[in-house]
Amino acid sequence: MDGKDDRREGQFDEAKGNVKEAFGDVTDNEELEREGKKDQTKGKAKQALGKTKDAAAEAKDAATDAVENLKDRD
């Protein structure tokens, strides 16, 4: 799974958590509120993972380009 997929799943989990938390609040269901907060945290973590994967891929591409540029100089 690439970073884009992780970010998308994270956004979904975060939105789902927001709905659960709000519904739990309205219905006085503390367990549902906790589940919602947990989903939000999970979503934020997935989004962070996605961003990290993207940054790593960009760094790898930059390093590969730098090596190729050095080879071309010789």
PDB file of N, CA and C in Angstrom:
ATOM      1  N   MET A   1       0.853  -1.168   0.000  1.00  0.00           N
ATOM      2  CA  MET A   1       0.000   0.000   0.000  1.00  0.00           C
ATOM      3  C   MET A   1       0.903   1.238   0.000  1.00  0.00           C
ATOM      4  N   ASP A   2       0.565   2.177  -0.838  1.00  0.00           N
ATOM      5  CA  ASP A   2       1.383   3.395  -0.892  1.00  0.00           C
ATOM      6  C   ASP A   2       0.828   4.460   0.048  1.00  0.00           C
ATOM      7  N   GLY A   3       1.553   5.551   0.147  1.00  0.00           N
ATOM      8  CA  GLY A   3       1.181   6.617   1.062  1.00  0.00           C
ATOM      9  C   GLY A   3      -0.185   7.200   0.786  1.00  0.00           C
ATOM     10  N   LYS A   4      -0.533   7.293  -0.485  1.00  0.00           N
ATOM     11  CA  LYS A   4      -1.832   7.872  -0.857  1.00  0.00           C
ATOM     12  C   LYS A   4      -2.979   7.017  -0.304  1.00  0.00           C
ATOM     13  N   ASP A   5      -2.823   5.694  -0.406  1.00  0.00           N
ATOM     14  CA  ASP A   5      -3.851   4.793   0.115  1.00  0.00           C
ATOM     15  C   ASP A   5      -3.968   4.905   1.635  1.00  0.00           C
ATOM     16  N   ASP A   6      -2.820   4.975   2.313  1.00  0.00           N
ATOM     17  CA  ASP A   6      -2.835   5.123   3.770  1.00  0.00           C
ATOM     18  C   ASP A   6      -3.516   6.422   4.181  1.00  0.00           C
ATOM     19  N   ARG A   7      -3.208   7.497   3.482  1.00  0.00           N
ATOM     20  CA  ARG A   7      -3.829   8.782   3.812  1.00  0.00           C
ATOM     21  C   ARG A   7      -5.342   8.731   3.596  1.00  0.00           C
ATOM     22  N   ARG A   8      -5.765   8.105   2.496  1.00  0.00           N
ATOM     23  CA  ARG A   8      -7.196   7.991   2.199  1.00  0.00           C
ATOM     24  C   ARG A   8      -7.909   7.167   3.282  1.00  0.00           C
ATOM     25  N   GLU A   9      -7.336   6.023   3.649  1.00  0.00           N
ATOM     26  CA  GLU A   9      -7.936   5.198   4.696  1.00  0.00           C
ATOM     27  C   GLU A   9      -7.968   5.962   6.026  1.00  0.00           C
ATOM     28  N   GLY A  10      -6.906   6.691   6.293  1.00  0.00           N
ATOM     29  CA  GLY A  10      -6.848   7.474   7.521  1.00  0.00           C
ATOM     30  C   GLY A  10      -7.934   8.529   7.583  1.00  0.00           C
ATOM     31  N   GLN A  11      -8.173   9.180   6.466  1.00  0.00           N
ATOM     32  CA  GLN A  11      -9.224  10.202   6.418  1.00  0.00           C
ATOM     33  C   GLN A  11     -10.589   9.567   6.664  1.00  0.00           C
ATOM     34  N   PHE A  12     -10.793   8.380   6.089  1.00  0.00           N
ATOM     35  CA  PHE A  12     -12.058   7.679   6.286  1.00  0.00           C
ATOM     36  C   PHE A  12     -12.234   7.304   7.756  1.00  0.00           C
ATOM     37  N   ASP A  13     -11.182   6.728   8.355  1.00  0.00           N
ATOM     38  CA  ASP A  13     -11.266   6.327   9.765  1.00  0.00           C
ATOM     39  C   ASP A  13     -11.520   7.534  10.665  1.00  0.00           C
ATOM     40  N   GLU A  14     -10.878   8.636  10.356  1.00  0.00           N
ATOM     41  CA  GLU A  14     -11.059   9.839  11.163  1.00  0.00           C
ATOM     42  C   GLU A  14     -12.496  10.357  11.046  1.00  0.00           C
ATOM     43  N   ALA A  15     -13.031  10.376   9.841  1.00  0.00           N
ATOM     44  CA  ALA A  15     -14.410  10.830   9.637  1.00  0.00           C
ATOM     45  C   ALA A  15     -15.397   9.893  10.332  1.00  0.00           C
ATOM     46  N   LYS A  16     -15.151   8.601  10.196  1.00  0.00           N
ATOM     47  CA  LYS A  16     -16.014   7.609  10.855  1.00  0.00           C
ATOM     48  C   LYS A  16     -15.982   7.817  12.369  1.00  0.00           C
ATOM     49  N   GLY A  17     -14.800   8.082  12.892  1.00  0.00           N
ATOM     50  CA  GLY A  17     -14.667   8.330  14.321  1.00  0.00           C
ATOM     51  C   GLY A  17     -15.407   9.563  14.774  1.00  0.00           C
ATOM     52  N   ASN A  18     -15.364  10.604  13.958  1.00  0.00           N
ATOM     53  CA  ASN A  18     -16.100  11.834  14.294  1.00  0.00           C
ATOM     54  C   ASN A  18     -17.595  11.561  14.399  1.00  0.00           C
ATOM     55  N   VAL A  19     -18.116  10.774  13.463  1.00  0.00           N
ATOM     56  CA  VAL A  19     -19.548  10.450  13.467  1.00  0.00           C
ATOM     57  C   VAL A  19     -19.896   9.613  14.694  1.00  0.00           C
ATOM     58  N   LYS A  20     -19.060   8.598  14.962  1.00  0.00           N
ATOM     59  CA  LYS A  20     -19.321   7.748  16.131  1.00  0.00           C
ATOM     60  C   LYS A  20     -19.294   8.561  17.429  1.00  0.00           C
ATOM     61  N   GLU A  21     -18.289   9.407  17.554  1.00  0.00           N
ATOM     62  CA  GLU A  21     -18.174  10.201  18.769  1.00  0.00           C
ATOM     63  C   GLU A  21     -19.380  11.116  18.934  1.00  0.00           C
ATOM     64  N   ALA A  22     -19.785  11.774  17.869  1.00  0.00           N
ATOM     65  CA  ALA A  22     -20.938  12.685  17.935  1.00  0.00           C
ATOM     66  C   ALA A  22     -22.213  11.922  18.263  1.00  0.00           C
ATOM     67  N   PHE A  23     -22.408  10.775  17.633  1.00  0.00           N
ATOM     68  CA  PHE A  23     -23.612   9.987  17.893  1.00  0.00           C
ATOM     69  C   PHE A  23     -23.600   9.470  19.325  1.00  0.00           C
ATOM     70  N   GLY A  24     -22.440   9.049  19.786  1.00  0.00           N
ATOM     71  CA  GLY A  24     -22.321   8.594  21.165  1.00  0.00           C
ATOM     72  C   GLY A  24     -22.629   9.707  22.149  1.00  0.00           C
ATOM     73  N   ASP A  25     -22.204  10.906  21.822  1.00  0.00           N
ATOM     74  CA  ASP A  25     -22.473  12.060  22.688  1.00  0.00           C
ATOM     75  C   ASP A  25     -23.968  12.356  22.748  1.00  0.00           C
ATOM     76  N   VAL A  26     -24.607  12.346  21.593  1.00  0.00           N
ATOM     77  CA  VAL A  26     -26.038  12.651  21.525  1.00  0.00           C
ATOM     78  C   VAL A  26     -26.865  11.590  22.255  1.00  0.00           C
ATOM     79  N   THR A  27     -26.431  10.340  22.164  1.00  0.00           N
ATOM     80  CA  THR A  27     -27.195   9.246  22.770  1.00  0.00           C
ATOM     81  C   THR A  27     -26.691   8.874  24.166  1.00  0.00           C
ATOM     82  N   ASP A  28     -25.746   9.635  24.678  1.00  0.00           N
ATOM     83  CA  ASP A  28     -25.133   9.346  25.984  1.00  0.00           C
ATOM     84  C   ASP A  28     -24.524   7.944  26.045  1.00  0.00           C
ATOM     85  N   ASN A  29     -23.950   7.516  24.932  1.00  0.00           N
ATOM     86  CA  ASN A  29     -23.297   6.210  24.853  1.00  0.00           C
ATOM     87  C   ASN A  29     -21.786   6.435  24.941  1.00  0.00           C
ATOM     88  N   GLU A  30     -21.249   6.300  26.146  1.00  0.00           N
ATOM     89  CA  GLU A  30     -19.828   6.579  26.363  1.00  0.00           C
ATOM     90  C   GLU A  30     -18.917   5.614  25.609  1.00  0.00           C
ATOM     91  N   GLU A  31     -19.358   4.368  25.485  1.00  0.00           N
ATOM     92  CA  GLU A  31     -18.547   3.383  24.757  1.00  0.00           C
ATOM     93  C   GLU A  31     -18.405   3.776  23.287  1.00  0.00           C
ATOM     94  N   LEU A  32     -19.485   4.228  22.691  1.00  0.00           N
ATOM     95  CA  LEU A  32     -19.445   4.656  21.291  1.00  0.00           C
ATOM     96  C   LEU A  32     -18.572   5.901  21.137  1.00  0.00           C
ATOM     97  N   GLU A  33     -18.637   6.792  22.094  1.00  0.00           N
ATOM     98  CA  GLU A  33     -17.769   7.976  22.075  1.00  0.00           C
ATOM     99  C   GLU A  33     -16.299   7.558  22.105  1.00  0.00           C
ATOM    100  N   ARG A  34     -15.971   6.596  22.987  1.00  0.00           N
ATOM    101  CA  ARG A  34     -14.586   6.112  23.079  1.00  0.00           C
ATOM    102  C   ARG A  34     -14.143   5.466  21.770  1.00  0.00           C
ATOM    103  N   GLU A  35     -15.039   4.660  21.190  1.00  0.00           N
ATOM    104  CA  GLU A  35     -14.722   4.036  19.898  1.00  0.00           C
ATOM    105  C   GLU A  35     -14.444   5.100  18.844  1.00  0.00           C
ATOM    106  N   GLY A  36     -15.242   6.148  18.859  1.00  0.00           N
ATOM    107  CA  GLY A  36     -15.055   7.236  17.905  1.00  0.00           C
ATOM    108  C   GLY A  36     -13.712   7.914  18.066  1.00  0.00           C
ATOM    109  N   LYS A  37     -13.336   8.172  19.298  1.00  0.00           N
ATOM    110  CA  LYS A  37     -12.038   8.798  19.552  1.00  0.00           C
ATOM    111  C   LYS A  37     -10.902   7.871  19.135  1.00  0.00           C
ATOM    112  N   LYS A  38     -11.083   6.576  19.371  1.00  0.00           N
ATOM    113  CA  LYS A  38     -10.077   5.584  18.975  1.00  0.00           C
ATOM    114  C   LYS A  38      -9.930   5.561  17.449  1.00  0.00           C
ATOM    115  N   ASP A  39     -11.062   5.568  16.742  1.00  0.00           N
ATOM    116  CA  ASP A  39     -11.028   5.591  15.277  1.00  0.00           C
ATOM    117  C   ASP A  39     -10.334   6.848  14.751  1.00  0.00           C
ATOM    118  N   GLN A  40     -10.596   7.981  15.406  1.00  0.00           N
ATOM    119  CA  GLN A  40      -9.956   9.229  14.992  1.00  0.00           C
ATOM    120  C   GLN A  40      -8.441   9.142  15.162  1.00  0.00           C
ATOM    121  N   THR A  41      -8.010   8.595  16.280  1.00  0.00           N
ATOM    122  CA  THR A  41      -6.574   8.443  16.530  1.00  0.00           C
ATOM    123  C   THR A  41      -5.953   7.502  15.505  1.00  0.00           C
ATOM    124  N   LYS A  42      -6.650   6.407  15.231  1.00  0.00           N
ATOM    125  CA  LYS A  42      -6.184   5.445  14.234  1.00  0.00           C
ATOM    126  C   LYS A  42      -6.071   6.121  12.865  1.00  0.00           C
ATOM    127  N   GLY A  43      -7.047   6.925  12.520  1.00  0.00           N
ATOM    128  CA  GLY A  43      -7.039   7.633  11.244  1.00  0.00           C
ATOM    129  C   GLY A  43      -5.882   8.607  11.133  1.00  0.00           C
ATOM    130  N   LYS A  44      -5.631   9.337  12.202  1.00  0.00           N
ATOM    131  CA  LYS A  44      -4.515  10.292  12.198  1.00  0.00           C
ATOM    132  C   LYS A  44      -3.185   9.554  12.054  1.00  0.00           C
ATOM    133  N   ALA A  45      -3.080   8.399  12.707  1.00  0.00           N
ATOM    134  CA  ALA A  45      -1.848   7.614  12.608  1.00  0.00           C
ATOM    135  C   ALA A  45      -1.639   7.099  11.180  1.00  0.00           C
ATOM    136  N   LYS A  46      -2.714   6.634  10.546  1.00  0.00           N
ATOM    137  CA  LYS A  46      -2.609   6.159   9.158  1.00  0.00           C
ATOM    138  C   LYS A  46      -2.206   7.294   8.217  1.00  0.00           C
ATOM    139  N   GLN A  47      -2.759   8.474   8.456  1.00  0.00           N
ATOM    140  CA  GLN A  47      -2.399   9.615   7.614  1.00  0.00           C
ATOM    141  C   GLN A  47      -0.931   9.973   7.796  1.00  0.00           C
ATOM    142  N   ALA A  48      -0.460   9.913   9.029  1.00  0.00           N
ATOM    143  CA  ALA A  48       0.956  10.193   9.289  1.00  0.00           C
ATOM    144  C   ALA A  48       1.842   9.149   8.620  1.00  0.00           C
ATOM    145  N   LEU A  49       1.432   7.888   8.672  1.00  0.00           N
ATOM    146  CA  LEU A  49       2.180   6.829   8.000  1.00  0.00           C
ATOM    147  C   LEU A  49       2.239   7.089   6.499  1.00  0.00           C
ATOM    148  N   GLY A  50       1.125   7.483   5.926  1.00  0.00           N
ATOM    149  CA  GLY A  50       1.086   7.789   4.499  1.00  0.00           C
ATOM    150  C   GLY A  50       2.024   8.916   4.123  1.00  0.00           C
ATOM    151  N   LYS A  51       2.031   9.954   4.946  1.00  0.00           N
ATOM    152  CA  LYS A  51       2.934  11.082   4.683  1.00  0.00           C
ATOM    153  C   LYS A  51       4.388  10.647   4.794  1.00  0.00           C
ATOM    154  N   THR A  52       4.681   9.775   5.765  1.00  0.00           N
ATOM    155  CA  THR A  52       6.041   9.269   5.940  1.00  0.00           C
ATOM    156  C   THR A  52       6.461   8.433   4.739  1.00  0.00           C
ATOM    157  N   LYS A  53       5.559   7.583   4.265  1.00  0.00           N
ATOM    158  CA  LYS A  53       5.863   6.769   3.081  1.00  0.00           C
ATOM    159  C   LYS A  53       6.138   7.653   1.868  1.00  0.00           C
ATOM    160  N   ASP A  54       5.340   8.689   1.704  1.00  0.00           N
ATOM    161  CA  ASP A  54       5.540   9.607   0.581  1.00  0.00           C
ATOM    162  C   ASP A  54       6.887  10.314   0.684  1.00  0.00           C
ATOM    163  N   ALA A  55       7.227  10.769   1.885  1.00  0.00           N
ATOM    164  CA  ALA A  55       8.506  11.458   2.085  1.00  0.00           C
ATOM    165  C   ALA A  55       9.671  10.515   1.816  1.00  0.00           C
ATOM    166  N   ALA A  56       9.543   9.262   2.244  1.00  0.00           N
ATOM    167  CA  ALA A  56      10.602   8.278   2.006  1.00  0.00           C
ATOM    168  C   ALA A  56      10.766   8.000   0.512  1.00  0.00           C
ATOM    169  N   ALA A  57       9.658   7.913  -0.194  1.00  0.00           N
ATOM    170  CA  ALA A  57       9.721   7.681  -1.637  1.00  0.00           C
ATOM    171  C   ALA A  57      10.373   8.861  -2.349  1.00  0.00           C
ATOM    172  N   GLU A  58      10.035  10.073  -1.914  1.00  0.00           N
ATOM    173  CA  GLU A  58      10.642  11.265  -2.509  1.00  0.00           C
ATOM    174  C   GLU A  58      12.140  11.315  -2.228  1.00  0.00           C
ATOM    175  N   ALA A  59      12.534  10.959  -1.015  1.00  0.00           N
ATOM    176  CA  ALA A  59      13.960  10.949  -0.663  1.00  0.00           C
ATOM    177  C   ALA A  59      14.706   9.900  -1.481  1.00  0.00           C
ATOM    178  N   LYS A  60      14.082   8.762  -1.661  1.00  0.00           N
ATOM    179  CA  LYS A  60      14.701   7.699  -2.472  1.00  0.00           C
ATOM    180  C   LYS A  60      14.880   8.171  -3.912  1.00  0.00           C
ATOM    181  N   ASP A  61      13.849   8.788  -4.467  1.00  0.00           N
ATOM    182  CA  ASP A  61      13.936   9.294  -5.840  1.00  0.00           C
ATOM    183  C   ASP A  61      15.028  10.361  -5.968  1.00  0.00           C
ATOM    184  N   ALA A  62      15.120  11.244  -4.985  1.00  0.00           N
ATOM    185  CA  ALA A  62      16.142  12.293  -5.020  1.00  0.00           C
ATOM    186  C   ALA A  62      17.535  11.689  -4.939  1.00  0.00           C
ATOM    187  N   ALA A  63      17.703  10.668  -4.097  1.00  0.00           N
ATOM    188  CA  ALA A  63      19.007  10.011  -3.980  1.00  0.00           C
ATOM    189  C   ALA A  63      19.369   9.301  -5.278  1.00  0.00           C
ATOM    190  N   THR A  64      18.396   8.642  -5.888  1.00  0.00           N
ATOM    191  CA  THR A  64      18.636   7.950  -7.157  1.00  0.00           C
ATOM    192  C   THR A  64      19.036   8.950  -8.233  1.00  0.00           C
ATOM    193  N   ASP A  65      18.336  10.077  -8.289  1.00  0.00           N
ATOM    194  CA  ASP A  65      18.673  11.117  -9.266  1.00  0.00           C
ATOM    195  C   ASP A  65      20.075  11.665  -9.031  1.00  0.00           C
ATOM    196  N   ALA A  66      20.433  11.857  -7.764  1.00  0.00           N
ATOM    197  CA  ALA A  66      21.761  12.378  -7.444  1.00  0.00           C
ATOM    198  C   ALA A  66      22.848  11.409  -7.884  1.00  0.00           C
ATOM    199  N   VAL A  67      22.627  10.130  -7.661  1.00  0.00           N
ATOM    200  CA  VAL A  67      23.603   9.114  -8.078  1.00  0.00           C
ATOM    201  C   VAL A  67      23.725   9.097  -9.597  1.00  0.00           C
ATOM    202  N   GLU A  68      22.600   9.164 -10.275  1.00  0.00           N
ATOM    203  CA  GLU A  68      22.619   9.169 -11.741  1.00  0.00           C
ATOM    204  C   GLU A  68      23.358  10.396 -12.271  1.00  0.00           C
ATOM    205  N   ASN A  69      23.148  11.549 -11.636  1.00  0.00           N
ATOM    206  CA  ASN A  69      23.833  12.766 -12.056  1.00  0.00           C
ATOM    207  C   ASN A  69      25.345  12.633 -11.862  1.00  0.00           C
ATOM    208  N   LEU A  70      25.753  12.008 -10.788  1.00  0.00           N
ATOM    209  CA  LEU A  70      27.182  11.789 -10.546  1.00  0.00           C
ATOM    210  C   LEU A  70      27.776  10.836 -11.579  1.00  0.00           C
ATOM    211  N   LYS A  71      27.034   9.818 -11.939  1.00  0.00           N
ATOM    212  CA  LYS A  71      27.507   8.865 -12.945  1.00  0.00           C
ATOM    213  C   LYS A  71      27.640   9.540 -14.298  1.00  0.00           C
ATOM    214  N   ASP A  72      26.715  10.430 -14.620  1.00  0.00           N
ATOM    215  CA  ASP A  72      26.750  11.121 -15.907  1.00  0.00           C
ATOM    216  C   ASP A  72      27.950  12.062 -16.017  1.00  0.00           C
ATOM    217  N   ARG A  73      28.463  12.523 -14.897  1.00  0.00           N
ATOM    218  CA  ARG A  73      29.615  13.437 -14.919  1.00  0.00           C
ATOM    219  C   ARG A  73      30.901  12.722 -15.288  1.00  0.00           C
ATOM    220  N   ASP A  74      30.950  11.445 -15.010  1.00  0.00           N
ATOM    221  CA  ASP A  74      32.191  10.706 -15.294  1.00  0.00           C
ATOM    222  C   ASP A  74      32.334  10.337 -16.732  1.00  0.00           C
TER     223      ASP A  74
END
